[in-house]
Amino acid sequence: YVQDYLEKYGARKCEANALVVIPEQARELVREAIEHYLGQDAEQRFIDRWQVVSDEMEKLRDDTGVRESVEEAILIIEEQEP
């Protein structure tokens, strides 16, 4: 399996600890990789889709009348957290 991986992707390795100490460079590295595979508009597409889902969830809460129950449940959970 290792040889197949190396043949397909090459010898790539990234230690997480190396990224943690340089967060700005890590963000840039990840952003470049995402944009390489998903396009430079990937972040905006994600935001747009997230907003559509968020709006639909808000409408569902209002239409079904569960908004108050959900908010009460969240408050109960938050009160129980240490």
C-alpha atoms as a PDB file:
ATOM      1  CA  TYR A   1       0.000   0.000   0.000  1.00  0.00           C
ATOM      2  CA  VAL A   2       2.806   2.399   0.808  1.00  0.00           C
ATOM      3  CA  GLN A   3       4.401   1.930  -2.585  1.00  0.00           C
ATOM      4  CA  ASP A   4       1.055   2.533  -4.293  1.00  0.00           C
ATOM      5  CA  TYR A   5       0.599   5.723  -2.310  1.00  0.00           C
ATOM      6  CA  LEU A   6       4.117   6.911  -3.116  1.00  0.00           C
ATOM      7  CA  GLU A   7       3.625   6.137  -6.781  1.00  0.00           C
ATOM      8  CA  LYS A   8       0.318   7.979  -6.887  1.00  0.00           C
ATOM      9  CA  TYR A   9       1.079  11.000  -4.670  1.00  0.00           C
ATOM     10  CA  GLY A  10       4.831  11.106  -4.228  1.00  0.00           C
ATOM     11  CA  ALA A  11       6.726  11.419  -0.971  1.00  0.00           C
ATOM     12  CA  ARG A  12       4.705  13.986   0.934  1.00  0.00           C
ATOM     13  CA  LYS A  13       4.672  14.392   4.642  1.00  0.00           C
ATOM     14  CA  CYS A  14       3.654  17.141   6.969  1.00  0.00           C
ATOM     15  CA  GLU A  15       4.062  16.974  10.711  1.00  0.00           C
ATOM     16  CA  ALA A  16       1.196  18.651  12.538  1.00  0.00           C
ATOM     17  CA  ASN A  17       3.603  20.088  15.088  1.00  0.00           C
ATOM     18  CA  ALA A  18       5.414  21.910  12.298  1.00  0.00           C
ATOM     19  CA  LEU A  19       2.192  23.664  11.326  1.00  0.00           C
ATOM     20  CA  VAL A  20       1.072  24.537  14.838  1.00  0.00           C
ATOM     21  CA  VAL A  21       4.055  26.780  15.501  1.00  0.00           C
ATOM     22  CA  ILE A  22       3.523  28.794  12.301  1.00  0.00           C
ATOM     23  CA  PRO A  23      -0.247  29.276  12.066  1.00  0.00           C
ATOM     24  CA  GLU A  24      -0.228  31.927   9.333  1.00  0.00           C
ATOM     25  CA  GLN A  25       1.906  29.790   7.041  1.00  0.00           C
ATOM     26  CA  ALA A  26      -0.207  26.756   7.912  1.00  0.00           C
ATOM     27  CA  ARG A  27      -3.401  28.601   6.949  1.00  0.00           C
ATOM     28  CA  GLU A  28      -1.840  29.665   3.666  1.00  0.00           C
ATOM     29  CA  LEU A  29      -0.655  26.128   2.922  1.00  0.00           C
ATOM     30  CA  VAL A  30      -4.107  24.696   3.601  1.00  0.00           C
ATOM     31  CA  ARG A  31      -5.825  27.475   1.646  1.00  0.00           C
ATOM     32  CA  GLU A  32      -3.581  26.864  -1.370  1.00  0.00           C
ATOM     33  CA  ALA A  33      -4.255  23.122  -1.256  1.00  0.00           C
ATOM     34  CA  ILE A  34      -8.022  23.645  -1.017  1.00  0.00           C
ATOM     35  CA  GLU A  35      -8.039  26.199  -3.819  1.00  0.00           C
ATOM     36  CA  HIS A  36      -5.873  23.946  -5.977  1.00  0.00           C
ATOM     37  CA  TYR A  37      -8.408  21.131  -5.779  1.00  0.00           C
ATOM     38  CA  LEU A  38     -11.677  23.039  -5.329  1.00  0.00           C
ATOM     39  CA  GLY A  39     -11.006  26.344  -7.079  1.00  0.00           C
ATOM     40  CA  GLN A  40     -10.263  29.832  -5.831  1.00  0.00           C
ATOM     41  CA  ASP A  41     -13.931  30.505  -5.189  1.00  0.00           C
ATOM     42  CA  ALA A  42     -14.261  27.478  -2.875  1.00  0.00           C
ATOM     43  CA  GLU A  43     -14.555  29.537   0.303  1.00  0.00           C
ATOM     44  CA  GLN A  44     -17.263  31.784  -1.122  1.00  0.00           C
ATOM     45  CA  ARG A  45     -19.170  28.773  -2.481  1.00  0.00           C
ATOM     46  CA  PHE A  46     -19.019  27.201   0.973  1.00  0.00           C
ATOM     47  CA  ILE A  47     -20.253  30.412   2.615  1.00  0.00           C
ATOM     48  CA  ASP A  48     -23.086  30.721   0.094  1.00  0.00           C
ATOM     49  CA  ARG A  49     -24.211  27.117   0.611  1.00  0.00           C
ATOM     50  CA  TRP A  50     -23.923  27.428   4.379  1.00  0.00           C
ATOM     51  CA  GLN A  51     -26.118  30.526   4.303  1.00  0.00           C
ATOM     52  CA  VAL A  52     -28.802  28.731   2.273  1.00  0.00           C
ATOM     53  CA  VAL A  53     -28.866  25.856   4.777  1.00  0.00           C
ATOM     54  CA  SER A  54     -28.843  28.255   7.720  1.00  0.00           C
ATOM     55  CA  ASP A  55     -31.776  30.190   6.265  1.00  0.00           C
ATOM     56  CA  GLU A  56     -33.693  26.953   5.639  1.00  0.00           C
ATOM     57  CA  MET A  57     -33.111  25.837   9.233  1.00  0.00           C
ATOM     58  CA  GLU A  58     -34.350  29.171  10.566  1.00  0.00           C
ATOM     59  CA  LYS A  59     -37.492  28.865   8.435  1.00  0.00           C
ATOM     60  CA  LEU A  60     -38.022  25.275   9.605  1.00  0.00           C
ATOM     61  CA  ARG A  61     -37.737  26.334  13.251  1.00  0.00           C
ATOM     62  CA  ASP A  62     -40.294  29.078  12.695  1.00  0.00           C
ATOM     63  CA  ASP A  63     -42.678  26.981  10.569  1.00  0.00           C
ATOM     64  CA  THR A  64     -42.735  24.056  13.006  1.00  0.00           C
ATOM     65  CA  GLY A  65     -42.766  26.115  16.175  1.00  0.00           C
ATOM     66  CA  VAL A  66     -39.745  24.360  17.649  1.00  0.00           C
ATOM     67  CA  ARG A  67     -37.600  27.488  17.931  1.00  0.00           C
ATOM     68  CA  GLU A  68     -38.493  28.095  21.584  1.00  0.00           C
ATOM     69  CA  SER A  69     -38.000  24.433  22.537  1.00  0.00           C
ATOM     70  CA  VAL A  70     -34.604  24.309  20.851  1.00  0.00           C
ATOM     71  CA  GLU A  71     -33.479  27.511  22.539  1.00  0.00           C
ATOM     72  CA  GLU A  72     -34.639  26.213  25.941  1.00  0.00           C
ATOM     73  CA  ALA A  73     -32.768  22.946  25.386  1.00  0.00           C
ATOM     74  CA  ILE A  74     -29.605  24.848  24.495  1.00  0.00           C
ATOM     75  CA  LEU A  75     -29.881  26.928  27.672  1.00  0.00           C
ATOM     76  CA  ILE A  76     -30.309  23.792  29.792  1.00  0.00           C
ATOM     77  CA  ILE A  77     -27.260  22.196  28.192  1.00  0.00           C
ATOM     78  CA  GLU A  78     -25.175  25.340  28.644  1.00  0.00           C
ATOM     79  CA  GLU A  79     -26.142  25.531  32.331  1.00  0.00           C
ATOM     80  CA  GLN A  80     -24.930  21.955  32.850  1.00  0.00           C
ATOM     81  CA  GLU A  81     -21.515  22.573  31.302  1.00  0.00           C
ATOM     82  CA  PRO A  82     -18.685  23.015  33.820  1.00  0.00           C
END
